[in-house]
Amino acid sequence: MIHAVVIDDEPACRELLSMMIRRQFPEIEIVGTGCNVSSAIEVIRNENPDLIFLDINLGDGDGFQVLMEFKNLKAVLIIITAYDEFAVRAIQFSAIDYILKPVSEVELKAGVARAINKIGQDQSTEVGAFVSNMNRRKSGDRKIVLRTADSIYVASIDTIVRCESDYSYTTFYISTGEKILISKRLKEVEELLDGSGFVRIHQSHLVNLNFVERFKKKEGGVLILTDGSIIPVSPNRRQILIDDLTGMQRK
C-alpha cells in the first residue's frame, strides 16, 4: 500500500479529496490528515508518508512553511491550491506536481499517476527549489529545476542565456557555458518562462533579452548575444523582437 496524508484547512475539501483518492486509487491508504501548519508537520513526522497532498493556503500560514521543516523530504509532493499566478509559477519552476482547486477527478487522476511513478526517488531538490522560489516572492532570483536523463539541475532563471529546440528536446544555454538538455518541447519551455524576459525569435530559438548585445537587421535579421551566439530571427517574429527591445529601452 501507498501511504498518503492530506493537508487542507477546509474540512469539506479534505473529505472530498480523500474520497476521490480512495475511489480512484485503492492502492493508496490515507493514513492521516492535517488542517494547519502545526498539525501538518506533526502528521508528516508521525506517519512518514509516501505521498503528501498539501494545500498552499492554510489557516495559520502557508504550505511552504510546512516544507521548511523537512530538509530531506522523501515523500512525493502534490500541491493543491486555488489559482495564484505567483504560486503556480513557483510550483512549475520547481517541477512539482500540482492540482488547482476546485479539484477535478481528471486532473487528480493524472497528477497522482505521475506522482506514483516518482515514489522512491529523492524529491529534496524540487522541494528545496519550491521553498526558495516562494521565499523570493519579492526579491526575484527564481530557480528552475531541469531534469535530464541522468541528473537534476537547479538553475537561476537570470542565468539562462537562451533555449534551443531539437524536436522533442530543448537545450538550455547557461551563462557559465553549461548546456542542459531536457525532454521538453520549446513551446512548453516558452510557456513556462513567459513573463520572465524571454522572447521566441525563431521556431527553434527562445532568448533572454537581458543577454542581447545587438540586433543586425541586414541579412534577414540576426540577434547577437553577449556569449557570442548568433541567432536567426524569423521574419514573422521580427517586429515582436523590435517591440520588446524598444520596451526594454524605455524602462
C-alpha atoms as a PDB file:
ATOM      1  CA  MET A   1       0.000   0.000   0.000  1.00  0.00           C
ATOM      2  CA  ILE A   2       0.994   3.599  -0.639  1.00  0.00           C
ATOM      3  CA  HIS A   3       0.609   5.729   2.481  1.00  0.00           C
ATOM      4  CA  ALA A   4      -0.664   9.276   1.966  1.00  0.00           C
ATOM      5  CA  VAL A   5      -1.614  12.299   4.057  1.00  0.00           C
ATOM      6  CA  VAL A   6      -3.994  15.106   3.086  1.00  0.00           C
ATOM      7  CA  ILE A   7      -3.380  18.653   4.369  1.00  0.00           C
ATOM      8  CA  ASP A   8      -6.104  21.273   3.879  1.00  0.00           C
ATOM      9  CA  ASP A   9      -7.623  23.849   6.217  1.00  0.00           C
ATOM     10  CA  GLU A  10     -11.154  23.268   4.907  1.00  0.00           C
ATOM     11  CA  PRO A  11     -12.813  20.087   6.302  1.00  0.00           C
ATOM     12  CA  ALA A  12     -15.074  19.694   3.261  1.00  0.00           C
ATOM     13  CA  CYS A  13     -12.074  19.867   0.913  1.00  0.00           C
ATOM     14  CA  ARG A  14     -10.136  17.293   2.960  1.00  0.00           C
ATOM     15  CA  GLU A  15     -13.080  14.899   2.953  1.00  0.00           C
ATOM     16  CA  LEU A  16     -13.824  15.335  -0.753  1.00  0.00           C
ATOM     17  CA  LEU A  17     -10.189  14.891  -1.789  1.00  0.00           C
ATOM     18  CA  SER A  18      -9.778  11.829   0.444  1.00  0.00           C
ATOM     19  CA  MET A  19     -12.931  10.300  -1.018  1.00  0.00           C
ATOM     20  CA  MET A  20     -11.769  10.915  -4.595  1.00  0.00           C
ATOM     21  CA  ILE A  21      -8.353   9.398  -3.865  1.00  0.00           C
ATOM     22  CA  ARG A  22      -9.862   6.255  -2.312  1.00  0.00           C
ATOM     23  CA  ARG A  23     -12.297   5.854  -5.195  1.00  0.00           C
ATOM     24  CA  GLN A  24      -9.711   6.195  -7.971  1.00  0.00           C
ATOM     25  CA  PHE A  25      -6.667   4.658  -6.269  1.00  0.00           C
ATOM     26  CA  PRO A  26      -7.476   1.689  -4.000  1.00  0.00           C
ATOM     27  CA  GLU A  27      -3.739   1.104  -3.573  1.00  0.00           C
ATOM     28  CA  ILE A  28      -3.465   4.421  -1.671  1.00  0.00           C
ATOM     29  CA  GLU A  29      -4.281   4.480   2.042  1.00  0.00           C
ATOM     30  CA  ILE A  30      -4.977   7.846   3.688  1.00  0.00           C
ATOM     31  CA  VAL A  31      -3.108   7.436   6.978  1.00  0.00           C
ATOM     32  CA  GLY A  32      -3.577  10.971   8.305  1.00  0.00           C
ATOM     33  CA  THR A  33      -4.845  14.479   7.706  1.00  0.00           C
ATOM     34  CA  GLY A  34      -3.908  17.984   8.829  1.00  0.00           C
ATOM     35  CA  CYS A  35      -5.723  21.309   8.951  1.00  0.00           C
ATOM     36  CA  ASN A  36      -2.925  23.812   9.620  1.00  0.00           C
ATOM     37  CA  VAL A  37       0.857  24.201   9.705  1.00  0.00           C
ATOM     38  CA  SER A  38       1.410  22.599  13.117  1.00  0.00           C
ATOM     39  CA  SER A  39      -0.863  19.593  12.521  1.00  0.00           C
ATOM     40  CA  ALA A  40       0.644  19.095   9.054  1.00  0.00           C
ATOM     41  CA  ILE A  41       4.167  18.948  10.465  1.00  0.00           C
ATOM     42  CA  GLU A  42       3.022  16.529  13.145  1.00  0.00           C
ATOM     43  CA  VAL A  43       1.210  14.110  10.837  1.00  0.00           C
ATOM     44  CA  ILE A  44       4.092  14.045   8.336  1.00  0.00           C
ATOM     45  CA  ARG A  45       6.608  13.305  11.093  1.00  0.00           C
ATOM     46  CA  ASN A  46       4.435  10.654  12.705  1.00  0.00           C
ATOM     47  CA  GLU A  47       3.267   8.850   9.562  1.00  0.00           C
ATOM     48  CA  ASN A  48       6.310   9.238   7.278  1.00  0.00           C
ATOM     49  CA  PRO A  49       4.024   9.051   4.195  1.00  0.00           C
ATOM     50  CA  ASP A  50       4.942   8.129   0.643  1.00  0.00           C
ATOM     51  CA  LEU A  51       2.659  10.822  -0.766  1.00  0.00           C
ATOM     52  CA  ILE A  52       1.620  14.251   0.551  1.00  0.00           C
ATOM     53  CA  PHE A  53      -1.341  16.271  -0.722  1.00  0.00           C
ATOM     54  CA  LEU A  54      -0.617  19.794   0.545  1.00  0.00           C
ATOM     55  CA  ASP A  55      -2.823  22.866   0.298  1.00  0.00           C
ATOM     56  CA  ILE A  56      -0.725  26.005  -0.193  1.00  0.00           C
ATOM     57  CA  ASN A  57      -3.024  28.273   1.844  1.00  0.00           C
ATOM     58  CA  LEU A  58      -3.501  27.063   5.403  1.00  0.00           C
ATOM     59  CA  GLY A  59      -5.355  28.772   8.216  1.00  0.00           C
ATOM     60  CA  ASP A  60      -2.266  29.750  10.196  1.00  0.00           C
ATOM     61  CA  GLY A  61       0.247  30.123   7.389  1.00  0.00           C
ATOM     62  CA  ASP A  62       1.433  28.684   4.071  1.00  0.00           C
ATOM     63  CA  GLY A  63       2.100  25.149   2.949  1.00  0.00           C
ATOM     64  CA  PHE A  64       5.705  26.003   2.167  1.00  0.00           C
ATOM     65  CA  GLN A  65       6.234  26.759   5.874  1.00  0.00           C
ATOM     66  CA  VAL A  66       5.486  23.079   6.426  1.00  0.00           C
ATOM     67  CA  LEU A  67       8.081  22.086   3.850  1.00  0.00           C
ATOM     68  CA  MET A  68      10.742  24.241   5.501  1.00  0.00           C
ATOM     69  CA  GLU A  69      10.609  21.859   8.465  1.00  0.00           C
ATOM     70  CA  PHE A  70      11.727  18.919   6.296  1.00  0.00           C
ATOM     71  CA  LYS A  71      15.140  19.438   4.749  1.00  0.00           C
ATOM     72  CA  ASN A  72      15.276  15.971   3.187  1.00  0.00           C
ATOM     73  CA  LEU A  73      11.679  15.161   2.394  1.00  0.00           C
ATOM     74  CA  LYS A  74      11.377  11.639   0.999  1.00  0.00           C
ATOM     75  CA  ALA A  75       7.654  11.758   0.233  1.00  0.00           C
ATOM     76  CA  VAL A  76       6.349  12.747  -3.186  1.00  0.00           C
ATOM     77  CA  LEU A  77       4.532  16.069  -3.020  1.00  0.00           C
ATOM     78  CA  ILE A  78       1.363  17.191  -4.801  1.00  0.00           C
ATOM     79  CA  ILE A  79       0.392  20.806  -4.178  1.00  0.00           C
ATOM     80  CA  ILE A  80      -3.333  21.553  -4.028  1.00  0.00           C
ATOM     81  CA  THR A  81      -4.069  25.247  -4.500  1.00  0.00           C
ATOM     82  CA  ALA A  82      -6.582  27.809  -5.613  1.00  0.00           C
ATOM     83  CA  TYR A  83      -5.258  29.722  -8.611  1.00  0.00           C
ATOM     84  CA  ASP A  84      -2.492  32.136  -7.665  1.00  0.00           C
ATOM     85  CA  GLU A  85      -0.236  33.144 -10.541  1.00  0.00           C
ATOM     86  CA  PHE A  86       2.910  33.522  -8.444  1.00  0.00           C
ATOM     87  CA  ALA A  87       2.414  30.278  -6.510  1.00  0.00           C
ATOM     88  CA  VAL A  88       1.610  28.267  -9.643  1.00  0.00           C
ATOM     89  CA  ARG A  89       4.674  29.637 -11.430  1.00  0.00           C
ATOM     90  CA  ALA A  90       6.878  28.818  -8.419  1.00  0.00           C
ATOM     91  CA  ILE A  91       5.480  25.276  -8.449  1.00  0.00           C
ATOM     92  CA  GLN A  92       6.055  24.883 -12.187  1.00  0.00           C
ATOM     93  CA  PHE A  93       9.637  26.204 -11.969  1.00  0.00           C
ATOM     94  CA  SER A  94      10.287  23.641  -9.233  1.00  0.00           C
ATOM     95  CA  ALA A  95       8.945  20.687 -11.270  1.00  0.00           C
ATOM     96  CA  ILE A  96       6.427  19.743  -8.578  1.00  0.00           C
ATOM     97  CA  ASP A  97       3.035  18.286  -9.471  1.00  0.00           C
ATOM     98  CA  TYR A  98       0.052  20.416  -8.586  1.00  0.00           C
ATOM     99  CA  ILE A  99      -3.729  20.408  -8.904  1.00  0.00           C
ATOM    100  CA  LEU A 100      -5.862  23.524  -8.966  1.00  0.00           C
ATOM    101  CA  LYS A 101      -8.979  23.925  -6.839  1.00  0.00           C
ATOM    102  CA  PRO A 102     -11.730  23.024  -7.301  1.00  0.00           C
ATOM    103  CA  VAL A 103     -10.162  19.599  -7.787  1.00  0.00           C
ATOM    104  CA  SER A 104     -11.425  17.661 -10.794  1.00  0.00           C
ATOM    105  CA  GLU A 105     -11.229  13.863 -10.933  1.00  0.00           C
ATOM    106  CA  VAL A 106      -9.481  14.022 -14.316  1.00  0.00           C
ATOM    107  CA  GLU A 107      -6.668  16.267 -13.046  1.00  0.00           C
ATOM    108  CA  LEU A 108      -6.402  14.307  -9.814  1.00  0.00           C
ATOM    109  CA  LYS A 109      -6.057  11.004 -11.661  1.00  0.00           C
ATOM    110  CA  ALA A 110      -3.324  12.379 -13.943  1.00  0.00           C
ATOM    111  CA  GLY A 111      -1.433  14.075 -11.103  1.00  0.00           C
ATOM    112  CA  VAL A 112      -1.498  11.070  -8.793  1.00  0.00           C
ATOM    113  CA  ALA A 113      -0.445   8.722 -11.589  1.00  0.00           C
ATOM    114  CA  ARG A 114       2.632  10.900 -12.231  1.00  0.00           C
ATOM    115  CA  ALA A 115       3.369  11.082  -8.509  1.00  0.00           C
ATOM    116  CA  ILE A 116       3.184   7.307  -8.020  1.00  0.00           C
ATOM    117  CA  ASN A 117       5.919   6.883 -10.638  1.00  0.00           C
ATOM    118  CA  LYS A 118       8.169   9.169  -8.558  1.00  0.00           C
ATOM    119  CA  ILE A 119       7.816   7.265  -5.280  1.00  0.00           C
ATOM    120  CA  GLY A 120      11.233   6.106  -4.113  1.00  0.00           C
ATOM    121  CA  GLN A 121      13.040   8.970  -5.858  1.00  0.00           C
ATOM    122  CA  ASP A 122      14.688  11.790  -3.905  1.00  0.00           C
ATOM    123  CA  GLN A 123      12.410  14.847  -4.061  1.00  0.00           C
ATOM    124  CA  SER A 124      14.541  17.172  -1.913  1.00  0.00           C
ATOM    125  CA  THR A 125      15.883  19.158  -4.895  1.00  0.00           C
ATOM    126  CA  GLU A 126      12.421  20.012  -6.205  1.00  0.00           C
ATOM    127  CA  VAL A 127      11.031  20.793  -2.748  1.00  0.00           C
ATOM    128  CA  GLY A 128      14.060  22.944  -1.916  1.00  0.00           C
ATOM    129  CA  ALA A 129      13.661  24.890  -5.150  1.00  0.00           C
ATOM    130  CA  PHE A 130       9.951  25.428  -4.445  1.00  0.00           C
ATOM    131  CA  VAL A 131      10.601  26.785  -0.943  1.00  0.00           C
ATOM    132  CA  SER A 132      13.346  29.014  -2.348  1.00  0.00           C
ATOM    133  CA  ASN A 133      11.074  30.344  -5.091  1.00  0.00           C
ATOM    134  CA  MET A 134       8.242  31.055  -2.661  1.00  0.00           C
ATOM    135  CA  ASN A 135      10.637  32.908  -0.357  1.00  0.00           C
ATOM    136  CA  ARG A 136      11.760  35.041  -3.297  1.00  0.00           C
ATOM    137  CA  ARG A 137       8.256  36.393  -3.965  1.00  0.00           C
ATOM    138  CA  LYS A 138       9.563  39.957  -3.683  1.00  0.00           C
ATOM    139  CA  SER A 139      13.276  39.713  -4.358  1.00  0.00           C
ATOM    140  CA  GLY A 140      13.199  37.752  -7.617  1.00  0.00           C
ATOM    141  CA  ASP A 141      16.157  35.455  -8.423  1.00  0.00           C
ATOM    142  CA  ARG A 142      13.891  32.486  -9.093  1.00  0.00           C
ATOM    143  CA  LYS A 143      15.212  28.982  -9.643  1.00  0.00           C
ATOM    144  CA  ILE A 144      14.131  26.408 -12.192  1.00  0.00           C
ATOM    145  CA  VAL A 145      14.544  22.640 -11.869  1.00  0.00           C
ATOM    146  CA  LEU A 146      15.770  20.964 -15.063  1.00  0.00           C
ATOM    147  CA  ARG A 147      15.641  17.162 -15.263  1.00  0.00           C
ATOM    148  CA  THR A 148      17.956  15.413 -17.695  1.00  0.00           C
ATOM    149  CA  ALA A 149      18.311  11.705 -18.353  1.00  0.00           C
ATOM    150  CA  ASP A 150      20.793  11.283 -15.504  1.00  0.00           C
ATOM    151  CA  SER A 151      20.776  14.473 -13.401  1.00  0.00           C
ATOM    152  CA  ILE A 152      18.627  17.147 -11.784  1.00  0.00           C
ATOM    153  CA  TYR A 153      19.859  20.722 -12.178  1.00  0.00           C
ATOM    154  CA  VAL A 154      18.719  23.827 -10.323  1.00  0.00           C
ATOM    155  CA  ALA A 155      19.450  26.953 -12.349  1.00  0.00           C
ATOM    156  CA  SER A 156      18.750  30.607 -11.684  1.00  0.00           C
ATOM    157  CA  ILE A 157      16.399  31.855 -14.404  1.00  0.00           C
ATOM    158  CA  ASP A 158      18.524  35.004 -14.695  1.00  0.00           C
ATOM    159  CA  THR A 159      21.494  32.866 -15.836  1.00  0.00           C
ATOM    160  CA  ILE A 160      19.669  31.237 -18.772  1.00  0.00           C
ATOM    161  CA  VAL A 161      21.005  32.891 -21.943  1.00  0.00           C
ATOM    162  CA  ARG A 162      18.834  31.048 -24.450  1.00  0.00           C
ATOM    163  CA  CYS A 163      16.987  27.845 -25.248  1.00  0.00           C
ATOM    164  CA  GLU A 164      17.223  25.898 -28.497  1.00  0.00           C
ATOM    165  CA  SER A 165      14.880  23.144 -29.612  1.00  0.00           C
ATOM    166  CA  ASP A 166      15.555  19.877 -31.365  1.00  0.00           C
ATOM    167  CA  TYR A 167      12.139  18.309 -31.948  1.00  0.00           C
ATOM    168  CA  SER A 168      11.009  16.990 -28.535  1.00  0.00           C
ATOM    169  CA  TYR A 169      14.124  18.195 -26.717  1.00  0.00           C
ATOM    170  CA  THR A 170      15.341  21.624 -25.626  1.00  0.00           C
ATOM    171  CA  THR A 171      18.878  22.677 -24.739  1.00  0.00           C
ATOM    172  CA  PHE A 172      19.315  25.368 -22.090  1.00  0.00           C
ATOM    173  CA  TYR A 173      22.429  27.501 -22.548  1.00  0.00           C
ATOM    174  CA  ILE A 174      23.615  28.862 -19.187  1.00  0.00           C
ATOM    175  CA  SER A 175      25.806  31.972 -18.760  1.00  0.00           C
ATOM    176  CA  THR A 176      28.524  29.787 -17.176  1.00  0.00           C
ATOM    177  CA  GLY A 177      28.887  27.968 -20.507  1.00  0.00           C
ATOM    178  CA  GLU A 178      26.974  24.898 -19.333  1.00  0.00           C
ATOM    179  CA  LYS A 179      24.461  23.195 -21.639  1.00  0.00           C
ATOM    180  CA  ILE A 180      21.499  21.278 -20.224  1.00  0.00           C
ATOM    181  CA  LEU A 181      19.344  19.062 -22.456  1.00  0.00           C
ATOM    182  CA  ILE A 182      15.827  18.263 -21.227  1.00  0.00           C
ATOM    183  CA  SER A 183      12.939  16.311 -22.697  1.00  0.00           C
ATOM    184  CA  LYS A 184      10.517  19.188 -23.322  1.00  0.00           C
ATOM    185  CA  ARG A 185       9.357  20.934 -26.453  1.00  0.00           C
ATOM    186  CA  LEU A 186      10.304  24.598 -26.857  1.00  0.00           C
ATOM    187  CA  LYS A 187       6.644  25.585 -26.724  1.00  0.00           C
ATOM    188  CA  GLU A 188       6.380  24.127 -23.207  1.00  0.00           C
ATOM    189  CA  VAL A 189       9.538  25.955 -22.153  1.00  0.00           C
ATOM    190  CA  GLU A 190       8.249  29.202 -23.684  1.00  0.00           C
ATOM    191  CA  GLU A 191       5.008  28.919 -21.700  1.00  0.00           C
ATOM    192  CA  LEU A 192       6.916  28.176 -18.507  1.00  0.00           C
ATOM    193  CA  LEU A 193       9.244  31.177 -18.922  1.00  0.00           C
ATOM    194  CA  ASP A 194       6.518  33.553 -20.061  1.00  0.00           C
ATOM    195  CA  GLY A 195       6.831  36.841 -18.203  1.00  0.00           C
ATOM    196  CA  SER A 196      10.477  36.217 -17.279  1.00  0.00           C
ATOM    197  CA  GLY A 197      12.111  38.320 -20.004  1.00  0.00           C
ATOM    198  CA  PHE A 198      12.323  35.690 -22.756  1.00  0.00           C
ATOM    199  CA  VAL A 199      11.149  36.103 -26.354  1.00  0.00           C
ATOM    200  CA  ARG A 200      10.645  33.496 -29.086  1.00  0.00           C
ATOM    201  CA  ILE A 201      12.541  34.848 -32.106  1.00  0.00           C
ATOM    202  CA  HIS A 202      12.526  31.712 -34.234  1.00  0.00           C
ATOM    203  CA  GLN A 203      10.800  28.351 -34.417  1.00  0.00           C
ATOM    204  CA  SER A 204      13.841  26.826 -32.696  1.00  0.00           C
ATOM    205  CA  HIS A 205      15.081  29.661 -30.506  1.00  0.00           C
ATOM    206  CA  LEU A 206      13.984  31.361 -27.280  1.00  0.00           C
ATOM    207  CA  VAL A 207      16.301  34.075 -25.933  1.00  0.00           C
ATOM    208  CA  ASN A 208      16.720  36.019 -22.705  1.00  0.00           C
ATOM    209  CA  LEU A 209      16.550  39.704 -23.662  1.00  0.00           C
ATOM    210  CA  ASN A 210      18.989  40.570 -20.883  1.00  0.00           C
ATOM    211  CA  PHE A 211      21.736  38.826 -22.866  1.00  0.00           C
ATOM    212  CA  VAL A 212      21.096  40.630 -26.163  1.00  0.00           C
ATOM    213  CA  GLU A 213      24.104  42.588 -27.426  1.00  0.00           C
ATOM    214  CA  ARG A 214      22.638  43.821 -30.707  1.00  0.00           C
ATOM    215  CA  PHE A 215      20.169  43.110 -33.474  1.00  0.00           C
ATOM    216  CA  LYS A 216      21.532  43.138 -37.026  1.00  0.00           C
ATOM    217  CA  LYS A 217      18.673  43.955 -39.362  1.00  0.00           C
ATOM    218  CA  LYS A 218      20.547  43.018 -42.526  1.00  0.00           C
ATOM    219  CA  GLU A 219      20.786  39.528 -43.999  1.00  0.00           C
ATOM    220  CA  GLY A 220      17.259  38.697 -42.898  1.00  0.00           C
ATOM    221  CA  GLY A 221      17.962  39.695 -39.313  1.00  0.00           C
ATOM    222  CA  VAL A 222      20.141  38.029 -36.698  1.00  0.00           C
ATOM    223  CA  LEU A 223      20.453  38.519 -32.969  1.00  0.00           C
ATOM    224  CA  ILE A 224      23.922  38.651 -31.408  1.00  0.00           C
ATOM    225  CA  LEU A 225      24.088  37.664 -27.748  1.00  0.00           C
ATOM    226  CA  THR A 226      26.687  38.544 -25.119  1.00  0.00           C
ATOM    227  CA  ASP A 227      28.075  34.975 -25.196  1.00  0.00           C
ATOM    228  CA  GLY A 228      28.842  35.341 -28.908  1.00  0.00           C
ATOM    229  CA  SER A 229      25.839  33.342 -30.136  1.00  0.00           C
ATOM    230  CA  ILE A 230      24.360  34.448 -33.449  1.00  0.00           C
ATOM    231  CA  ILE A 231      20.679  33.525 -33.678  1.00  0.00           C
ATOM    232  CA  PRO A 232      18.477  33.914 -36.774  1.00  0.00           C
ATOM    233  CA  VAL A 233      15.279  35.936 -36.412  1.00  0.00           C
ATOM    234  CA  SER A 234      12.187  34.711 -38.254  1.00  0.00           C
ATOM    235  CA  PRO A 235      10.551  37.401 -40.439  1.00  0.00           C
ATOM    236  CA  ASN A 236       7.202  36.888 -38.695  1.00  0.00           C
ATOM    237  CA  ARG A 237       8.804  37.411 -35.265  1.00  0.00           C
ATOM    238  CA  ARG A 238      10.976  40.385 -36.225  1.00  0.00           C
ATOM    239  CA  GLN A 239       8.510  43.074 -35.145  1.00  0.00           C
ATOM    240  CA  ILE A 240       7.798  41.298 -31.841  1.00  0.00           C
ATOM    241  CA  LEU A 241      11.521  41.354 -31.088  1.00  0.00           C
ATOM    242  CA  ILE A 242      11.844  45.040 -32.024  1.00  0.00           C
ATOM    243  CA  ASP A 243       8.872  45.929 -29.829  1.00  0.00           C
ATOM    244  CA  ASP A 244      10.325  44.013 -26.879  1.00  0.00           C
ATOM    245  CA  LEU A 245      13.755  45.600 -27.270  1.00  0.00           C
ATOM    246  CA  THR A 246      12.174  49.037 -27.555  1.00  0.00           C
ATOM    247  CA  GLY A 247      10.151  48.341 -24.426  1.00  0.00           C
ATOM    248  CA  MET A 248      13.322  47.444 -22.533  1.00  0.00           C
ATOM    249  CA  GLN A 249      14.935  50.715 -23.618  1.00  0.00           C
ATOM    250  CA  ARG A 250      12.001  52.710 -22.228  1.00  0.00           C
ATOM    251  CA  LYS A 251      12.183  51.103 -18.787  1.00  0.00           C
END
